[in-house]
Amino acid sequence: MVVESRDLFAAACLVFGIAMVMLKLHYGPGARQRKAVTSPTIGRGWIVVSGLTAAQVEAILADFAKLYDLPAATFAVKGAGAVVQVSWTRPITTDIALFLVNFLTYPADQTLPDAQPLAVGVIPVPAGIAPDGVAADTLAKIFVPEGDTEHDLVHALVEDGRAFRISFTRMKWQSVTRPQTPAFAARVAFALEG
C-alpha cells in the first residue's frame, strides 16, 4: 500500500509539473501575448470642422481632453465662421488625432444644428503605421466616410489617391477601392497649414 501511494504521489507530481510547464509556456514571458502597440506621435497636423460654431468646437475639445486625460491646452481653435480649424499645441499620438476627427463628427452631449458636423484632418503618416507603399510623412486626409453606419472608424486618403479604412478596434490601415470621401473633404488641401 505504501508503494502504491508513493507511485500515485509521484505520478500526481509529474502531471502537476507538466501542467505548470504548459501554463508557463502558454502564458509566461515570451508567450504569444497581445502586446500593446504604442501609437506614434505627430507634432503637426490640423482638423477643419464645418457645421459647428467655434464655441461648440471648444466645448467638444474640452470634453475630449478630459476623456483622454490630455491637458486642456492641447488643442487650439481658429476661425469663427462656417469653418473652424483645430490644431494641436504639442505632439499627440496618431490614434488621438484619428479619434478626434471621429469625435468632432459625432459629438456627444452637444445640441447640434440640423446637419451632421463634418471634420477632416490632415496629418503626416508616421513611419510606424504607414501602410505598404506609403512613405513616412506622406500627407493623409482623415475623415469619417460618407454614409458611415459603424461610428468607430475613419478613412484616410493619401495624395496619390489611395484610400484606407482604419477601424478603431484594430487601428490597421486597410486598403479600400472606394474611399467614400465626403464632398467637404475634397475641398480640404493636402497641406499642414490650413
C-alpha atoms as a PDB file:
ATOM      1  CA  MET A   1       0.000   0.000   0.000  1.00  0.00           C
ATOM      2  CA  VAL A   2       2.859   2.381   0.780  1.00  0.00           C
ATOM      3  CA  VAL A   3       4.455   1.674  -2.587  1.00  0.00           C
ATOM      4  CA  GLU A   4       1.213   2.416  -4.443  1.00  0.00           C
ATOM      5  CA  SER A   5       0.728   5.675  -2.543  1.00  0.00           C
ATOM      6  CA  ARG A   6       4.294   6.705  -3.300  1.00  0.00           C
ATOM      7  CA  ASP A   7       3.828   5.870  -7.021  1.00  0.00           C
ATOM      8  CA  LEU A   8       0.488   7.675  -7.101  1.00  0.00           C
ATOM      9  CA  PHE A   9       2.041  10.715  -5.419  1.00  0.00           C
ATOM     10  CA  ALA A  10       4.959  10.703  -7.921  1.00  0.00           C
ATOM     11  CA  ALA A  11       2.545  10.446 -10.857  1.00  0.00           C
ATOM     12  CA  ALA A  12       0.446  13.319  -9.481  1.00  0.00           C
ATOM     13  CA  CYS A  13       3.593  15.451  -9.069  1.00  0.00           C
ATOM     14  CA  LEU A  14       4.677  14.633 -12.611  1.00  0.00           C
ATOM     15  CA  VAL A  15       1.237  15.600 -14.030  1.00  0.00           C
ATOM     16  CA  PHE A  16       1.264  18.800 -11.940  1.00  0.00           C
ATOM     17  CA  GLY A  17       4.782  19.655 -13.152  1.00  0.00           C
ATOM     18  CA  ILE A  18       3.850  19.107 -16.789  1.00  0.00           C
ATOM     19  CA  ALA A  19       0.717  21.235 -16.359  1.00  0.00           C
ATOM     20  CA  MET A  20       2.765  24.051 -14.809  1.00  0.00           C
ATOM     21  CA  VAL A  21       5.307  23.952 -17.655  1.00  0.00           C
ATOM     22  CA  MET A  22       2.491  24.058 -20.221  1.00  0.00           C
ATOM     23  CA  LEU A  23       0.875  27.038 -18.462  1.00  0.00           C
ATOM     24  CA  LYS A  24       4.194  28.874 -18.273  1.00  0.00           C
ATOM     25  CA  LEU A  25       4.847  28.279 -21.966  1.00  0.00           C
ATOM     26  CA  HIS A  26       1.360  29.465 -22.857  1.00  0.00           C
ATOM     27  CA  TYR A  27       1.100  32.483 -20.531  1.00  0.00           C
ATOM     28  CA  GLY A  28       4.658  33.213 -19.392  1.00  0.00           C
ATOM     29  CA  PRO A  29       7.254  35.638 -20.703  1.00  0.00           C
ATOM     30  CA  GLY A  30       7.812  35.271 -24.420  1.00  0.00           C
ATOM     31  CA  ALA A  31       4.411  33.670 -24.935  1.00  0.00           C
ATOM     32  CA  ARG A  32       2.146  34.744 -27.777  1.00  0.00           C
ATOM     33  CA  GLN A  33       0.576  37.519 -25.738  1.00  0.00           C
ATOM     34  CA  ARG A  34      -1.017  40.516 -27.347  1.00  0.00           C
ATOM     35  CA  LYS A  35       1.387  43.350 -26.861  1.00  0.00           C
ATOM     36  CA  ALA A  36       0.112  46.886 -26.581  1.00  0.00           C
ATOM     37  CA  VAL A  37       1.313  48.907 -29.531  1.00  0.00           C
ATOM     38  CA  THR A  38       2.263  52.461 -28.799  1.00  0.00           C
ATOM     39  CA  SER A  39       0.809  54.858 -31.322  1.00  0.00           C
ATOM     40  CA  PRO A  40       3.465  57.123 -32.879  1.00  0.00           C
ATOM     41  CA  THR A  41       3.272  60.831 -32.140  1.00  0.00           C
ATOM     42  CA  ILE A  42       2.713  63.590 -34.650  1.00  0.00           C
ATOM     43  CA  GLY A  43       3.739  67.151 -33.963  1.00  0.00           C
ATOM     44  CA  ARG A  44       1.900  68.830 -36.793  1.00  0.00           C
ATOM     45  CA  GLY A  45      -1.480  68.499 -38.357  1.00  0.00           C
ATOM     46  CA  TRP A  46      -4.876  70.101 -38.271  1.00  0.00           C
ATOM     47  CA  ILE A  47      -8.580  69.400 -38.491  1.00  0.00           C
ATOM     48  CA  VAL A  48     -11.127  71.569 -40.242  1.00  0.00           C
ATOM     49  CA  VAL A  49     -14.696  71.419 -38.946  1.00  0.00           C
ATOM     50  CA  SER A  50     -17.902  72.521 -40.648  1.00  0.00           C
ATOM     51  CA  GLY A  51     -21.350  72.636 -39.097  1.00  0.00           C
ATOM     52  CA  LEU A  52     -20.287  73.713 -35.602  1.00  0.00           C
ATOM     53  CA  THR A  53     -19.503  77.100 -34.109  1.00  0.00           C
ATOM     54  CA  ALA A  54     -16.108  77.855 -32.576  1.00  0.00           C
ATOM     55  CA  ALA A  55     -17.742  77.761 -29.117  1.00  0.00           C
ATOM     56  CA  GLN A  56     -19.227  74.311 -29.809  1.00  0.00           C
ATOM     57  CA  VAL A  57     -15.855  73.034 -31.069  1.00  0.00           C
ATOM     58  CA  GLU A  58     -14.113  74.379 -27.949  1.00  0.00           C
ATOM     59  CA  ALA A  59     -16.675  72.645 -25.714  1.00  0.00           C
ATOM     60  CA  ILE A  60     -16.227  69.366 -27.622  1.00  0.00           C
ATOM     61  CA  LEU A  61     -12.435  69.663 -27.363  1.00  0.00           C
ATOM     62  CA  ALA A  62     -12.706  70.218 -23.602  1.00  0.00           C
ATOM     63  CA  ASP A  63     -14.807  67.039 -23.292  1.00  0.00           C
ATOM     64  CA  PHE A  64     -12.357  65.131 -25.496  1.00  0.00           C
ATOM     65  CA  ALA A  65      -9.325  66.310 -23.491  1.00  0.00           C
ATOM     66  CA  LYS A  66     -10.977  65.145 -20.250  1.00  0.00           C
ATOM     67  CA  LEU A  67     -11.952  61.813 -21.784  1.00  0.00           C
ATOM     68  CA  TYR A  68      -8.371  61.084 -22.902  1.00  0.00           C
ATOM     69  CA  ASP A  69      -6.565  62.701 -19.924  1.00  0.00           C
ATOM     70  CA  LEU A  70      -4.998  65.425 -22.059  1.00  0.00           C
ATOM     71  CA  PRO A  71      -4.121  68.919 -20.830  1.00  0.00           C
ATOM     72  CA  ALA A  72      -6.893  71.381 -21.665  1.00  0.00           C
ATOM     73  CA  ALA A  73      -4.459  73.489 -23.713  1.00  0.00           C
ATOM     74  CA  THR A  74      -3.598  70.593 -26.071  1.00  0.00           C
ATOM     75  CA  PHE A  75      -5.826  71.981 -28.837  1.00  0.00           C
ATOM     76  CA  ALA A  76      -6.187  75.440 -30.369  1.00  0.00           C
ATOM     77  CA  VAL A  77      -9.198  76.725 -32.311  1.00  0.00           C
ATOM     78  CA  LYS A  78      -9.104  79.322 -35.108  1.00  0.00           C
ATOM     79  CA  GLY A  79     -11.989  80.793 -37.038  1.00  0.00           C
ATOM     80  CA  ALA A  80     -15.464  81.925 -36.205  1.00  0.00           C
ATOM     81  CA  GLY A  81     -17.344  81.491 -39.456  1.00  0.00           C
ATOM     82  CA  ALA A  82     -18.748  78.461 -41.221  1.00  0.00           C
ATOM     83  CA  VAL A  83     -15.429  76.601 -40.930  1.00  0.00           C
ATOM     84  CA  VAL A  84     -13.374  76.223 -37.771  1.00  0.00           C
ATOM     85  CA  GLN A  85      -9.785  74.966 -37.684  1.00  0.00           C
ATOM     86  CA  VAL A  86      -8.351  72.847 -34.863  1.00  0.00           C
ATOM     87  CA  SER A  87      -4.623  72.327 -34.366  1.00  0.00           C
ATOM     88  CA  TRP A  88      -2.606  70.845 -31.530  1.00  0.00           C
ATOM     89  CA  THR A  89      -0.185  72.815 -29.418  1.00  0.00           C
ATOM     90  CA  ARG A  90       2.002  69.834 -28.524  1.00  0.00           C
ATOM     91  CA  PRO A  91       2.641  66.434 -30.129  1.00  0.00           C
ATOM     92  CA  ILE A  92      -0.257  63.987 -29.868  1.00  0.00           C
ATOM     93  CA  THR A  93      -0.449  60.324 -30.753  1.00  0.00           C
ATOM     94  CA  THR A  94      -1.812  59.313 -34.113  1.00  0.00           C
ATOM     95  CA  ASP A  95      -4.705  57.424 -32.545  1.00  0.00           C
ATOM     96  CA  ILE A  96      -5.747  60.575 -30.660  1.00  0.00           C
ATOM     97  CA  ALA A  97      -5.811  62.512 -33.964  1.00  0.00           C
ATOM     98  CA  LEU A  98      -7.952  59.807 -35.596  1.00  0.00           C
ATOM     99  CA  PHE A  99     -10.301  59.585 -32.599  1.00  0.00           C
ATOM    100  CA  LEU A 100     -10.654  63.387 -32.578  1.00  0.00           C
ATOM    101  CA  VAL A 101     -11.814  63.509 -36.209  1.00  0.00           C
ATOM    102  CA  ASN A 102     -14.457  60.930 -35.314  1.00  0.00           C
ATOM    103  CA  PHE A 103     -15.397  62.708 -32.067  1.00  0.00           C
ATOM    104  CA  LEU A 104     -15.881  66.045 -33.870  1.00  0.00           C
ATOM    105  CA  THR A 105     -18.091  64.314 -36.440  1.00  0.00           C
ATOM    106  CA  TYR A 106     -20.166  62.559 -33.753  1.00  0.00           C
ATOM    107  CA  PRO A 107     -20.016  64.912 -30.774  1.00  0.00           C
ATOM    108  CA  ALA A 108     -21.653  63.596 -27.609  1.00  0.00           C
ATOM    109  CA  ASP A 109     -23.903  65.726 -25.433  1.00  0.00           C
ATOM    110  CA  GLN A 110     -23.967  68.667 -27.849  1.00  0.00           C
ATOM    111  CA  THR A 111     -27.003  70.441 -29.210  1.00  0.00           C
ATOM    112  CA  LEU A 112     -26.405  70.264 -32.916  1.00  0.00           C
ATOM    113  CA  PRO A 113     -27.869  72.107 -35.866  1.00  0.00           C
ATOM    114  CA  ASP A 114     -29.977  70.206 -38.355  1.00  0.00           C
ATOM    115  CA  ALA A 115     -26.980  68.928 -40.337  1.00  0.00           C
ATOM    116  CA  GLN A 116     -24.323  66.492 -39.144  1.00  0.00           C
ATOM    117  CA  PRO A 117     -20.969  68.216 -38.473  1.00  0.00           C
ATOM    118  CA  LEU A 118     -18.114  67.357 -40.818  1.00  0.00           C
ATOM    119  CA  ALA A 119     -14.475  67.067 -39.748  1.00  0.00           C
ATOM    120  CA  VAL A 120     -11.451  66.442 -41.956  1.00  0.00           C
ATOM    121  CA  GLY A 121      -7.923  66.149 -40.597  1.00  0.00           C
ATOM    122  CA  VAL A 122      -4.616  66.354 -42.401  1.00  0.00           C
ATOM    123  CA  ILE A 123      -1.688  64.536 -40.810  1.00  0.00           C
ATOM    124  CA  PRO A 124       1.717  63.247 -41.881  1.00  0.00           C
ATOM    125  CA  VAL A 125       1.588  59.438 -41.778  1.00  0.00           C
ATOM    126  CA  PRO A 126       4.202  58.264 -39.240  1.00  0.00           C
ATOM    127  CA  ALA A 127       6.691  55.564 -40.257  1.00  0.00           C
ATOM    128  CA  GLY A 128       5.443  53.223 -37.539  1.00  0.00           C
ATOM    129  CA  ILE A 129       1.972  52.932 -39.054  1.00  0.00           C
ATOM    130  CA  ALA A 130       2.491  53.748 -42.728  1.00  0.00           C
ATOM    131  CA  PRO A 131       0.833  51.065 -44.868  1.00  0.00           C
ATOM    132  CA  ASP A 132       2.839  49.262 -47.545  1.00  0.00           C
ATOM    133  CA  GLY A 133       3.771  51.586 -50.375  1.00  0.00           C
ATOM    134  CA  VAL A 134       3.089  54.790 -48.435  1.00  0.00           C
ATOM    135  CA  ALA A 135       6.237  56.689 -47.489  1.00  0.00           C
ATOM    136  CA  ALA A 136       6.581  58.049 -43.982  1.00  0.00           C
ATOM    137  CA  ASP A 137       5.414  61.667 -43.670  1.00  0.00           C
ATOM    138  CA  THR A 138       3.113  61.368 -46.699  1.00  0.00           C
ATOM    139  CA  LEU A 139       0.150  63.627 -46.013  1.00  0.00           C
ATOM    140  CA  ALA A 140      -3.203  61.959 -45.485  1.00  0.00           C
ATOM    141  CA  LYS A 141      -6.693  63.374 -45.157  1.00  0.00           C
ATOM    142  CA  ILE A 142      -8.599  61.697 -42.332  1.00  0.00           C
ATOM    143  CA  PHE A 143     -12.405  61.703 -42.337  1.00  0.00           C
ATOM    144  CA  VAL A 144     -15.484  59.713 -41.394  1.00  0.00           C
ATOM    145  CA  PRO A 145     -16.655  58.041 -44.605  1.00  0.00           C
ATOM    146  CA  GLU A 146     -19.818  59.324 -46.240  1.00  0.00           C
ATOM    147  CA  GLY A 147     -22.795  57.152 -45.266  1.00  0.00           C
ATOM    148  CA  ASP A 148     -20.988  55.731 -42.223  1.00  0.00           C
ATOM    149  CA  THR A 149     -23.105  53.482 -40.022  1.00  0.00           C
ATOM    150  CA  GLU A 150     -20.352  51.991 -37.845  1.00  0.00           C
ATOM    151  CA  HIS A 151     -19.275  55.137 -35.932  1.00  0.00           C
ATOM    152  CA  ASP A 152     -15.928  53.563 -34.898  1.00  0.00           C
ATOM    153  CA  LEU A 153     -13.695  54.115 -37.894  1.00  0.00           C
ATOM    154  CA  VAL A 154     -12.229  56.712 -40.203  1.00  0.00           C
ATOM    155  CA  HIS A 155     -10.956  56.635 -43.757  1.00  0.00           C
ATOM    156  CA  ALA A 156      -7.634  58.044 -44.920  1.00  0.00           C
ATOM    157  CA  LEU A 157      -6.895  59.362 -48.382  1.00  0.00           C
ATOM    158  CA  VAL A 158      -3.265  59.954 -49.393  1.00  0.00           C
ATOM    159  CA  GLU A 159      -2.104  62.376 -52.041  1.00  0.00           C
ATOM    160  CA  ASP A 160      -1.749  59.725 -54.775  1.00  0.00           C
ATOM    161  CA  GLY A 161      -5.452  58.836 -54.412  1.00  0.00           C
ATOM    162  CA  ARG A 162      -5.120  55.580 -52.476  1.00  0.00           C
ATOM    163  CA  ALA A 163      -7.639  55.170 -49.689  1.00  0.00           C
ATOM    164  CA  PHE A 164      -7.597  53.232 -46.437  1.00  0.00           C
ATOM    165  CA  ARG A 165     -10.113  52.165 -43.818  1.00  0.00           C
ATOM    166  CA  ILE A 166      -8.919  52.470 -40.211  1.00  0.00           C
ATOM    167  CA  SER A 167     -11.114  50.629 -37.713  1.00  0.00           C
ATOM    168  CA  PHE A 168     -10.607  51.690 -34.106  1.00  0.00           C
ATOM    169  CA  THR A 169     -10.681  48.073 -32.956  1.00  0.00           C
ATOM    170  CA  ARG A 170      -7.536  47.171 -34.935  1.00  0.00           C
ATOM    171  CA  MET A 171      -6.021  50.548 -35.892  1.00  0.00           C
ATOM    172  CA  LYS A 172      -4.687  48.935 -39.077  1.00  0.00           C
ATOM    173  CA  TRP A 173      -4.735  50.813 -42.375  1.00  0.00           C
ATOM    174  CA  GLN A 174      -6.652  48.515 -44.746  1.00  0.00           C
ATOM    175  CA  SER A 175      -6.769  49.425 -48.423  1.00  0.00           C
ATOM    176  CA  VAL A 176     -10.206  50.230 -49.866  1.00  0.00           C
ATOM    177  CA  THR A 177     -11.125  50.656 -53.506  1.00  0.00           C
ATOM    178  CA  ARG A 178     -13.819  53.278 -52.906  1.00  0.00           C
ATOM    179  CA  PRO A 179     -12.906  55.844 -50.242  1.00  0.00           C
ATOM    180  CA  GLN A 180     -16.433  57.273 -49.685  1.00  0.00           C
ATOM    181  CA  THR A 181     -14.951  60.748 -49.446  1.00  0.00           C
ATOM    182  CA  PRO A 182     -17.424  63.449 -48.412  1.00  0.00           C
ATOM    183  CA  ALA A 183     -17.506  66.458 -50.754  1.00  0.00           C
ATOM    184  CA  PHE A 184     -16.251  68.624 -47.883  1.00  0.00           C
ATOM    185  CA  ALA A 185     -13.050  66.522 -47.651  1.00  0.00           C
ATOM    186  CA  ALA A 186     -12.367  67.040 -51.349  1.00  0.00           C
ATOM    187  CA  ARG A 187     -12.150  70.795 -50.696  1.00  0.00           C
ATOM    188  CA  VAL A 188      -9.520  70.390 -47.970  1.00  0.00           C
ATOM    189  CA  ALA A 189      -5.928  70.784 -49.199  1.00  0.00           C
ATOM    190  CA  PHE A 190      -3.140  68.273 -48.633  1.00  0.00           C
ATOM    191  CA  ALA A 191      -1.103  70.713 -46.543  1.00  0.00           C
ATOM    192  CA  LEU A 192      -0.021  71.014 -42.923  1.00  0.00           C
ATOM    193  CA  GLU A 193      -1.212  74.599 -42.736  1.00  0.00           C
ATOM    194  CA  GLY A 194      -4.880  75.359 -43.296  1.00  0.00           C
END
